Amino acid sequence: MENKEFKNEFKKRLYNWVLKLIEFIDKLSRDSVSNVLGKQLLGSGTSILANYIEANSASSKKDFINFFTHFLKSANESKIC
């Protein structure tokens, strides 16, 4: 798989994952714990895609690394929720 093809496929997979994540969060019960965890997961989960997109349009290698680091941090944060 070529680099460009890989990037496009990866972005599609991230986008689909975010859509499934939103559907999952929407189905959570409406108790206080689920509300807090749902909001946290929504923020960190959608941030993964946003930071990945920003990284790919970075103006420098340093900028790319910064956004990609945030992408990874958001992914790690989402794992704990």
PDB file of N, CA and C in Angstrom:
ATOM      1  N   MET A   1       0.847  -1.181   0.000  1.00  0.00           N
ATOM      2  CA  MET A   1       0.000   0.000   0.000  1.00  0.00           C
ATOM      3  C   MET A   1       0.891   1.241   0.000  1.00  0.00           C
ATOM      4  N   GLU A   2       0.604   2.158  -0.883  1.00  0.00           N
ATOM      5  CA  GLU A   2       1.395   3.374  -0.965  1.00  0.00           C
ATOM      6  C   GLU A   2       1.077   4.308   0.194  1.00  0.00           C
ATOM      7  N   ASN A   3       1.983   5.235   0.457  1.00  0.00           N
ATOM      8  CA  ASN A   3       1.847   6.160   1.572  1.00  0.00           C
ATOM      9  C   ASN A   3       0.551   6.975   1.489  1.00  0.00           C
ATOM     10  N   LYS A   4       0.242   7.519   0.317  1.00  0.00           N
ATOM     11  CA  LYS A   4      -0.962   8.336   0.150  1.00  0.00           C
ATOM     12  C   LYS A   4      -2.220   7.495   0.366  1.00  0.00           C
ATOM     13  N   GLU A   5      -2.219   6.299  -0.183  1.00  0.00           N
ATOM     14  CA  GLU A   5      -3.350   5.388  -0.024  1.00  0.00           C
ATOM     15  C   GLU A   5      -3.524   5.010   1.442  1.00  0.00           C
ATOM     16  N   PHE A   6      -2.417   4.751   2.124  1.00  0.00           N
ATOM     17  CA  PHE A   6      -2.464   4.422   3.554  1.00  0.00           C
ATOM     18  C   PHE A   6      -3.055   5.572   4.358  1.00  0.00           C
ATOM     19  N   LYS A   7      -2.604   6.806   4.065  1.00  0.00           N
ATOM     20  CA  LYS A   7      -3.112   7.979   4.790  1.00  0.00           C
ATOM     21  C   LYS A   7      -4.610   8.155   4.585  1.00  0.00           C
ATOM     22  N   ASN A   8      -5.069   7.984   3.347  1.00  0.00           N
ATOM     23  CA  ASN A   8      -6.500   8.111   3.072  1.00  0.00           C
ATOM     24  C   ASN A   8      -7.308   7.047   3.786  1.00  0.00           C
ATOM     25  N   GLU A   9      -6.822   5.821   3.763  1.00  0.00           N
ATOM     26  CA  GLU A   9      -7.522   4.719   4.435  1.00  0.00           C
ATOM     27  C   GLU A   9      -7.535   4.937   5.949  1.00  0.00           C
ATOM     28  N   PHE A  10      -6.422   5.388   6.489  1.00  0.00           N
ATOM     29  CA  PHE A  10      -6.331   5.628   7.924  1.00  0.00           C
ATOM     30  C   PHE A  10      -7.297   6.738   8.341  1.00  0.00           C
ATOM     31  N   LYS A  11      -7.375   7.810   7.552  1.00  0.00           N
ATOM     32  CA  LYS A  11      -8.285   8.914   7.865  1.00  0.00           C
ATOM     33  C   LYS A  11      -9.737   8.444   7.810  1.00  0.00           C
ATOM     34  N   LYS A  12     -10.086   7.605   6.833  1.00  0.00           N
ATOM     35  CA  LYS A  12     -11.442   7.045   6.748  1.00  0.00           C
ATOM     36  C   LYS A  12     -11.759   6.203   7.981  1.00  0.00           C
ATOM     37  N   ARG A  13     -10.790   5.394   8.392  1.00  0.00           N
ATOM     38  CA  ARG A  13     -11.008   4.544   9.560  1.00  0.00           C
ATOM     39  C   ARG A  13     -11.190   5.382  10.820  1.00  0.00           C
ATOM     40  N   LEU A  14     -10.400   6.450  10.957  1.00  0.00           N
ATOM     41  CA  LEU A  14     -10.565   7.337  12.103  1.00  0.00           C
ATOM     42  C   LEU A  14     -11.938   8.002  12.082  1.00  0.00           C
ATOM     43  N   TYR A  15     -12.350   8.501  10.919  1.00  0.00           N
ATOM     44  CA  TYR A  15     -13.644   9.158  10.776  1.00  0.00           C
ATOM     45  C   TYR A  15     -14.774   8.192  11.153  1.00  0.00           C
ATOM     46  N   ASN A  16     -14.731   6.963  10.635  1.00  0.00           N
ATOM     47  CA  ASN A  16     -15.758   5.971  10.960  1.00  0.00           C
ATOM     48  C   ASN A  16     -15.747   5.624  12.443  1.00  0.00           C
ATOM     49  N   TRP A  17     -14.550   5.558  13.027  1.00  0.00           N
ATOM     50  CA  TRP A  17     -14.450   5.268  14.454  1.00  0.00           C
ATOM     51  C   TRP A  17     -15.111   6.377  15.276  1.00  0.00           C
ATOM     52  N   VAL A  18     -14.887   7.630  14.894  1.00  0.00           N
ATOM     53  CA  VAL A  18     -15.494   8.758  15.606  1.00  0.00           C
ATOM     54  C   VAL A  18     -17.013   8.697  15.482  1.00  0.00           C
ATOM     55  N   LEU A  19     -17.535   8.372  14.300  1.00  0.00           N
ATOM     56  CA  LEU A  19     -18.990   8.246  14.142  1.00  0.00           C
ATOM     57  C   LEU A  19     -19.557   7.146  15.040  1.00  0.00           C
ATOM     58  N   LYS A  20     -18.876   6.003  15.091  1.00  0.00           N
ATOM     59  CA  LYS A  20     -19.316   4.906  15.959  1.00  0.00           C
ATOM     60  C   LYS A  20     -19.209   5.295  17.432  1.00  0.00           C
ATOM     61  N   LEU A  21     -18.180   6.046  17.768  1.00  0.00           N
ATOM     62  CA  LEU A  21     -18.003   6.518  19.138  1.00  0.00           C
ATOM     63  C   LEU A  21     -19.159   7.430  19.546  1.00  0.00           C
ATOM     64  N   ILE A  22     -19.542   8.338  18.662  1.00  0.00           N
ATOM     65  CA  ILE A  22     -20.661   9.237  18.946  1.00  0.00           C
ATOM     66  C   ILE A  22     -21.950   8.442  19.129  1.00  0.00           C
ATOM     67  N   GLU A  23     -22.186   7.464  18.278  1.00  0.00           N
ATOM     68  CA  GLU A  23     -23.372   6.610  18.426  1.00  0.00           C
ATOM     69  C   GLU A  23     -23.347   5.873  19.760  1.00  0.00           C
ATOM     70  N   PHE A  24     -22.182   5.352  20.141  1.00  0.00           N
ATOM     71  CA  PHE A  24     -22.044   4.648  21.414  1.00  0.00           C
ATOM     72  C   PHE A  24     -22.348   5.574  22.587  1.00  0.00           C
ATOM     73  N   ILE A  25     -21.763   6.744  22.588  1.00  0.00           N
ATOM     74  CA  ILE A  25     -21.966   7.699  23.687  1.00  0.00           C
ATOM     75  C   ILE A  25     -23.426   8.103  23.771  1.00  0.00           C
ATOM     76  N   ASP A  26     -24.079   8.268  22.635  1.00  0.00           N
ATOM     77  CA  ASP A  26     -25.488   8.658  22.609  1.00  0.00           C
ATOM     78  C   ASP A  26     -26.382   7.587  23.238  1.00  0.00           C
ATOM     79  N   LYS A  27     -25.934   6.330  23.218  1.00  0.00           N
ATOM     80  CA  LYS A  27     -26.731   5.229  23.769  1.00  0.00           C
ATOM     81  C   LYS A  27     -26.469   4.975  25.259  1.00  0.00           C
ATOM     82  N   LEU A  28     -25.504   5.688  25.841  1.00  0.00           N
ATOM     83  CA  LEU A  28     -25.222   5.503  27.265  1.00  0.00           C
ATOM     84  C   LEU A  28     -26.410   5.936  28.102  1.00  0.00           C
ATOM     85  N   SER A  29     -26.528   5.345  29.281  1.00  0.00           N
ATOM     86  CA  SER A  29     -27.591   5.774  30.193  1.00  0.00           C
ATOM     87  C   SER A  29     -27.361   7.232  30.585  1.00  0.00           C
ATOM     88  N   ARG A  30     -28.356   7.849  31.117  1.00  0.00           N
ATOM     89  CA  ARG A  30     -28.288   9.280  31.421  1.00  0.00           C
ATOM     90  C   ARG A  30     -27.976   9.566  32.885  1.00  0.00           C
ATOM     91  N   ASP A  31     -27.286   8.638  33.551  1.00  0.00           N
ATOM     92  CA  ASP A  31     -26.916   8.892  34.943  1.00  0.00           C
ATOM     93  C   ASP A  31     -25.687   9.796  35.004  1.00  0.00           C
ATOM     94  N   SER A  32     -25.363  10.267  36.198  1.00  0.00           N
ATOM     95  CA  SER A  32     -24.292  11.263  36.344  1.00  0.00           C
ATOM     96  C   SER A  32     -22.916  10.718  35.939  1.00  0.00           C
ATOM     97  N   VAL A  33     -22.620   9.484  36.259  1.00  0.00           N
ATOM     98  CA  VAL A  33     -21.320   8.897  35.909  1.00  0.00           C
ATOM     99  C   VAL A  33     -21.193   8.767  34.394  1.00  0.00           C
ATOM    100  N   SER A  34     -22.233   8.246  33.743  1.00  0.00           N
ATOM    101  CA  SER A  34     -22.197   8.098  32.283  1.00  0.00           C
ATOM    102  C   SER A  34     -22.102   9.447  31.593  1.00  0.00           C
ATOM    103  N   ASN A  35     -22.753  10.468  32.156  1.00  0.00           N
ATOM    104  CA  ASN A  35     -22.669  11.809  31.564  1.00  0.00           C
ATOM    105  C   ASN A  35     -21.244  12.346  31.609  1.00  0.00           C
ATOM    106  N   VAL A  36     -20.591  12.197  32.760  1.00  0.00           N
ATOM    107  CA  VAL A  36     -19.223  12.707  32.905  1.00  0.00           C
ATOM    108  C   VAL A  36     -18.268  11.930  32.005  1.00  0.00           C
ATOM    109  N   LEU A  37     -18.336  10.610  32.062  1.00  0.00           N
ATOM    110  CA  LEU A  37     -17.441   9.797  31.227  1.00  0.00           C
ATOM    111  C   LEU A  37     -17.745   9.971  29.743  1.00  0.00           C
ATOM    112  N   GLY A  38     -19.021  10.104  29.399  1.00  0.00           N
ATOM    113  CA  GLY A  38     -19.402  10.302  28.011  1.00  0.00           C
ATOM    114  C   GLY A  38     -18.850  11.606  27.445  1.00  0.00           C
ATOM    115  N   LYS A  39     -18.940  12.679  28.235  1.00  0.00           N
ATOM    116  CA  LYS A  39     -18.407  13.967  27.785  1.00  0.00           C
ATOM    117  C   LYS A  39     -16.889  13.907  27.625  1.00  0.00           C
ATOM    118  N   GLN A  40     -16.230  13.246  28.579  1.00  0.00           N
ATOM    119  CA  GLN A  40     -14.773  13.116  28.508  1.00  0.00           C
ATOM    120  C   GLN A  40     -14.360  12.306  27.278  1.00  0.00           C
ATOM    121  N   LEU A  41     -15.052  11.199  27.057  1.00  0.00           N
ATOM    122  CA  LEU A  41     -14.749  10.341  25.914  1.00  0.00           C
ATOM    123  C   LEU A  41     -15.069  11.039  24.602  1.00  0.00           C
ATOM    124  N   LEU A  42     -16.140  11.790  24.553  1.00  0.00           N
ATOM    125  CA  LEU A  42     -16.488  12.536  23.344  1.00  0.00           C
ATOM    126  C   LEU A  42     -15.398  13.551  23.001  1.00  0.00           C
ATOM    127  N   GLY A  43     -14.925  14.262  24.004  1.00  0.00           N
ATOM    128  CA  GLY A  43     -13.879  15.257  23.770  1.00  0.00           C
ATOM    129  C   GLY A  43     -12.573  14.639  23.314  1.00  0.00           C
ATOM    130  N   SER A  44     -12.119  13.632  24.038  1.00  0.00           N
ATOM    131  CA  SER A  44     -10.833  13.020  23.680  1.00  0.00           C
ATOM    132  C   SER A  44     -10.942  12.216  22.381  1.00  0.00           C
ATOM    133  N   GLY A  45     -12.074  11.555  22.179  1.00  0.00           N
ATOM    134  CA  GLY A  45     -12.247  10.731  20.988  1.00  0.00           C
ATOM    135  C   GLY A  45     -12.320  11.537  19.705  1.00  0.00           C
ATOM    136  N   THR A  46     -13.067  12.632  19.722  1.00  0.00           N
ATOM    137  CA  THR A  46     -13.166  13.462  18.519  1.00  0.00           C
ATOM    138  C   THR A  46     -11.877  14.249  18.297  1.00  0.00           C
ATOM    139  N   SER A  47     -11.150  14.504  19.373  1.00  0.00           N
ATOM    140  CA  SER A  47      -9.874  15.205  19.264  1.00  0.00           C
ATOM    141  C   SER A  47      -8.838  14.387  18.489  1.00  0.00           C
ATOM    142  N   ILE A  48      -8.961  13.081  18.532  1.00  0.00           N
ATOM    143  CA  ILE A  48      -8.041  12.208  17.802  1.00  0.00           C
ATOM    144  C   ILE A  48      -8.083  12.542  16.314  1.00  0.00           C
ATOM    145  N   LEU A  49      -9.287  12.573  15.749  1.00  0.00           N
ATOM    146  CA  LEU A  49      -9.427  12.869  14.320  1.00  0.00           C
ATOM    147  C   LEU A  49      -9.002  14.301  14.007  1.00  0.00           C
ATOM    148  N   ALA A  50      -9.408  15.241  14.840  1.00  0.00           N
ATOM    149  CA  ALA A  50      -9.064  16.647  14.599  1.00  0.00           C
ATOM    150  C   ALA A  50      -7.551  16.850  14.585  1.00  0.00           C
ATOM    151  N   ASN A  51      -6.860  16.271  15.541  1.00  0.00           N
ATOM    152  CA  ASN A  51      -5.406  16.435  15.593  1.00  0.00           C
ATOM    153  C   ASN A  51      -4.704  15.686  14.469  1.00  0.00           C
ATOM    154  N   TYR A  52      -5.242  14.570  14.046  1.00  0.00           N
ATOM    155  CA  TYR A  52      -4.656  13.851  12.916  1.00  0.00           C
ATOM    156  C   TYR A  52      -4.767  14.698  11.647  1.00  0.00           C
ATOM    157  N   ILE A  53      -5.928  15.287  11.419  1.00  0.00           N
ATOM    158  CA  ILE A  53      -6.127  16.137  10.245  1.00  0.00           C
ATOM    159  C   ILE A  53      -5.202  17.350  10.310  1.00  0.00           C
ATOM    160  N   GLU A  54      -5.099  17.967  11.479  1.00  0.00           N
ATOM    161  CA  GLU A  54      -4.198  19.113  11.638  1.00  0.00           C
ATOM    162  C   GLU A  54      -2.745  18.717  11.382  1.00  0.00           C
ATOM    163  N   ALA A  55      -2.352  17.545  11.864  1.00  0.00           N
ATOM    164  CA  ALA A  55      -0.972  17.084  11.663  1.00  0.00           C
ATOM    165  C   ALA A  55      -0.657  16.943  10.182  1.00  0.00           C
ATOM    166  N   ASN A  56      -1.611  16.447   9.423  1.00  0.00           N
ATOM    167  CA  ASN A  56      -1.379  16.242   7.992  1.00  0.00           C
ATOM    168  C   ASN A  56      -1.356  17.534   7.190  1.00  0.00           C
ATOM    169  N   SER A  57      -1.807  18.623   7.781  1.00  0.00           N
ATOM    170  CA  SER A  57      -1.716  19.904   7.076  1.00  0.00           C
ATOM    171  C   SER A  57      -0.765  20.853   7.800  1.00  0.00           C
ATOM    172  N   ALA A  58       0.149  20.273   8.550  1.00  0.00           N
ATOM    173  CA  ALA A  58       1.122  21.070   9.303  1.00  0.00           C
ATOM    174  C   ALA A  58       2.069  21.802   8.364  1.00  0.00           C
ATOM    175  N   SER A  59       2.540  22.948   8.830  1.00  0.00           N
ATOM    176  CA  SER A  59       3.415  23.765   8.000  1.00  0.00           C
ATOM    177  C   SER A  59       4.898  23.431   8.173  1.00  0.00           C
ATOM    178  N   SER A  60       5.219  22.615   9.160  1.00  0.00           N
ATOM    179  CA  SER A  60       6.615  22.228   9.381  1.00  0.00           C
ATOM    180  C   SER A  60       6.657  20.857  10.046  1.00  0.00           C
ATOM    181  N   LYS A  61       7.827  20.279  10.068  1.00  0.00           N
ATOM    182  CA  LYS A  61       7.994  18.979  10.722  1.00  0.00           C
ATOM    183  C   LYS A  61       7.717  19.104  12.221  1.00  0.00           C
ATOM    184  N   LYS A  62       8.166  20.207  12.823  1.00  0.00           N
ATOM    185  CA  LYS A  62       7.937  20.442  14.250  1.00  0.00           C
ATOM    186  C   LYS A  62       6.434  20.561  14.537  1.00  0.00           C
ATOM    187  N   ASP A  63       5.721  21.262  13.672  1.00  0.00           N
ATOM    188  CA  ASP A  63       4.276  21.421  13.798  1.00  0.00           C
ATOM    189  C   ASP A  63       3.584  20.064  13.668  1.00  0.00           C
ATOM    190  N   PHE A  64       4.030  19.257  12.687  1.00  0.00           N
ATOM    191  CA  PHE A  64       3.476  17.921  12.501  1.00  0.00           C
ATOM    192  C   PHE A  64       3.654  17.085  13.762  1.00  0.00           C
ATOM    193  N   ILE A  65       4.856  17.084  14.311  1.00  0.00           N
ATOM    194  CA  ILE A  65       5.145  16.300  15.513  1.00  0.00           C
ATOM    195  C   ILE A  65       4.269  16.758  16.673  1.00  0.00           C
ATOM    196  N   ASN A  66       4.085  18.057  16.804  1.00  0.00           N
ATOM    197  CA  ASN A  66       3.247  18.594  17.873  1.00  0.00           C
ATOM    198  C   ASN A  66       1.812  18.074  17.766  1.00  0.00           C
ATOM    199  N   PHE A  67       1.196  18.185  16.583  1.00  0.00           N
ATOM    200  CA  PHE A  67      -0.180  17.717  16.409  1.00  0.00           C
ATOM    201  C   PHE A  67      -0.269  16.208  16.542  1.00  0.00           C
ATOM    202  N   PHE A  68       0.717  15.479  16.016  1.00  0.00           N
ATOM    203  CA  PHE A  68       0.691  14.030  16.116  1.00  0.00           C
ATOM    204  C   PHE A  68       0.833  13.586  17.572  1.00  0.00           C
ATOM    205  N   THR A  69       1.623  14.308  18.348  1.00  0.00           N
ATOM    206  CA  THR A  69       1.749  14.013  19.777  1.00  0.00           C
ATOM    207  C   THR A  69       0.417  14.200  20.477  1.00  0.00           C
ATOM    208  N   HIS A  70      -0.300  15.270  20.138  1.00  0.00           N
ATOM    209  CA  HIS A  70      -1.633  15.492  20.721  1.00  0.00           C
ATOM    210  C   HIS A  70      -2.604  14.396  20.291  1.00  0.00           C
ATOM    211  N   PHE A  71      -2.476  13.950  19.046  1.00  0.00           N
ATOM    212  CA  PHE A  71      -3.285  12.847  18.535  1.00  0.00           C
ATOM    213  C   PHE A  71      -3.085  11.602  19.410  1.00  0.00           C
ATOM    214  N   LEU A  72      -1.833  11.274  19.678  1.00  0.00           N
ATOM    215  CA  LEU A  72      -1.532  10.092  20.493  1.00  0.00           C
ATOM    216  C   LEU A  72      -2.002  10.259  21.935  1.00  0.00           C
ATOM    217  N   LYS A  73      -1.855  11.459  22.486  1.00  0.00           N
ATOM    218  CA  LYS A  73      -2.314  11.718  23.856  1.00  0.00           C
ATOM    219  C   LYS A  73      -3.830  11.563  23.951  1.00  0.00           C
ATOM    220  N   SER A  74      -4.543  12.057  22.959  1.00  0.00           N
ATOM    221  CA  SER A  74      -5.999  11.921  22.957  1.00  0.00           C
ATOM    222  C   SER A  74      -6.399  10.456  22.848  1.00  0.00           C
ATOM    223  N   ALA A  75      -5.690   9.696  22.043  1.00  0.00           N
ATOM    224  CA  ALA A  75      -5.983   8.266  21.917  1.00  0.00           C
ATOM    225  C   ALA A  75      -5.750   7.562  23.255  1.00  0.00           C
ATOM    226  N   ASN A  76      -4.661   7.892  23.923  1.00  0.00           N
ATOM    227  CA  ASN A  76      -4.389   7.296  25.237  1.00  0.00           C
ATOM    228  C   ASN A  76      -5.439   7.711  26.260  1.00  0.00           C
ATOM    229  N   GLU A  77      -5.849   8.955  26.238  1.00  0.00           N
ATOM    230  CA  GLU A  77      -6.872   9.435  27.165  1.00  0.00           C
ATOM    231  C   GLU A  77      -8.194   8.705  26.927  1.00  0.00           C
ATOM    232  N   SER A  78      -8.515   8.455  25.663  1.00  0.00           N
ATOM    233  CA  SER A  78      -9.768   7.768  25.327  1.00  0.00           C
ATOM    234  C   SER A  78      -9.757   6.328  25.830  1.00  0.00           C
ATOM    235  N   LYS A  79      -8.583   5.724  25.897  1.00  0.00           N
ATOM    236  CA  LYS A  79      -8.495   4.338  26.376  1.00  0.00           C
ATOM    237  C   LYS A  79      -8.872   4.225  27.839  1.00  0.00           C
ATOM    238  N   ILE A  80      -8.682   5.283  28.614  1.00  0.00           N
ATOM    239  CA  ILE A  80      -8.941   5.190  30.048  1.00  0.00           C
ATOM    240  C   ILE A  80     -10.417   5.409  30.384  1.00  0.00           C
ATOM    241  N   CYS A  81     -11.151   6.068  29.518  1.00  0.00           N
ATOM    242  CA  CYS A  81     -12.561   6.374  29.821  1.00  0.00           C
ATOM    243  C   CYS A  81     -13.428   5.164  29.837  1.00  0.00           C
TER     244      CYS A  81
END
